[in-house]
Amino acid sequence: MLEAAQKPMTTGNSILDLSHIHQAFARPNGVPSVVLDDISLDLREGEIVGVLGRSGCGKSTLLRIASGLIRPTAGKVTYQGKVIDRPAKGIAMVFQTFALFPWLTVLENVMAGLDALGMKEAQAREKALAAIELIGLDGFEAAYPRELSGGMRQRVGFARALVVDPAVLLMDEPFSALDVLTGETLRSDFIDLWNERKIAIKSVMLVTHNIEEAVFLCDRIIVLAPDPGRIALELEVPLPQPRERLAPAFREIVDDIYEHMTAGRGPSTGDKDKSALAGLGMRLPSVSSHRIAAFLEVLAQPPLAGKAGLRDLAERLHLEIDAILAVEEAAQILGFVEMREAALHLTAAGKFFTDSPADGRKRLFCEHLLRSVPLAAHIRHVLSERSPHIAPRGRFLPELQDHLSPNEAERTLTAVIDWGRFAEIFIYDHKNHQFSLPSSV
């Protein structure tokens, strides 16, 4: 097991420093929601730094603070010795969702950043064409984004970032929206450009939820723990490039990170206040009831027979770390699994669930949902007390936002709607955005 205190070896000079970063967002009840707490890290010349962590730990927020797009509540960002609080020349970003201008051609999209810098058109065109060729898109200069595949559109995003000759490249899960083969190709092409020094970038920060991707690409990996986001582990990846995924040393690092990210975890909660609605602060993972059931079935079947490591389950279900942690957390909240000695075990209720027919599963899911998720019980109680037994979505969302950020509140309510419909504790009308009790109640 890797030690959390392990310090990376020095590479080059520090080029971007994040010092004691604290980030909080206001909520309707006046109590701030803390996303990041006292995070300090630096990017050094000649290295790729990966940032890993489960959903909601603040990875993307940290990246946007590093880019100058978000001002931290406290702490500072220093780029080449100067404090920045806005986007700085020399720092470029590649987004997960391509972020292209659909009305511009490939060439015009790549030239857009140079136009913003005031570069003359002839020079901008020359640099853009060179970047397009470098990234493997020559021949598609006149194409529009709608004509391109997802991988080609992401290549445009890379070309647009590289064309401004940044010293620092920040990447927010740039390969996650692509299919497996396309993502692997683009990942390999990027690391080849980096290793062969065909790009002027001095340092890279990569936010990812893919552990193998981080070990494949990065020289140093930062693992964030959630609630609030903080550095839980910082480790060096001492493997030479190019890296072989099946090599024992590679697999050992992947396994160690899996073990660290899954050790000693419990359900994610919000505020720990003692109000009557304190349970509404439970943050629910965005996982469907059908995925939870499939997860339990795979865990119950031979050869696992009710016990497995999360990495084994992730490979069997073809899920990455973010997704497997989310479904495991959902199953743990409902009392169907528990983590013991770095392995996931079906509980007695979980075994009963997988052995039961459909109607028996619904009854058990209903019982555990009402007992384990205060929001579900709260919605059911409100509907029972009202006449008629109807309540709008807007009745519950403000209560959630007193405990959770707006995005977290939306995700939590969406999850409980799915779980509640599966358990048949209420009906939800998406057209009219309202809850009601089943007629049989």
Foldseek 3Di string as FASTA:
>chain_A
DDDQPDDDDDDAAWFKKWFQFWAWDAFPLRDTFTAAGGAIDTWGFPFEEEEAEAPSQCLVVVLCQSQLNAATPDTFMAGRRRTGNHGDQQEFEQEQVLPFDQVQFLLCRLLVVVVVVVDDPVVSSVLLQVLCVLLPNPVRRGPGPVVDDLLVSSSSSVSSRQSSQHQEYEYEANLVVDPPVSSVVSLVSVQVCSVVVVGNHGYYYYYHHFLLSCLQRGQKYFYWYPPHTYTRHIDGNPDDPRDDCPDPSNVVSSVVVLLSNPPPDAFDFFDPDDDPVRLLRGQAFQDFPVVLLVLLLVCCDPPNNFKAALVVSCVVVVHTNNVSVRSLNNCVLLPQWDDDPRMIGGDPLSVVLNVDPLVVVLQSLLVSCCVRRVVLVVLLVCLVPDVPSKDAQVVCLSVSSSTDPNVSSVSRVNRSQNSCVSSQSWHADPVRRMIHHDPVD
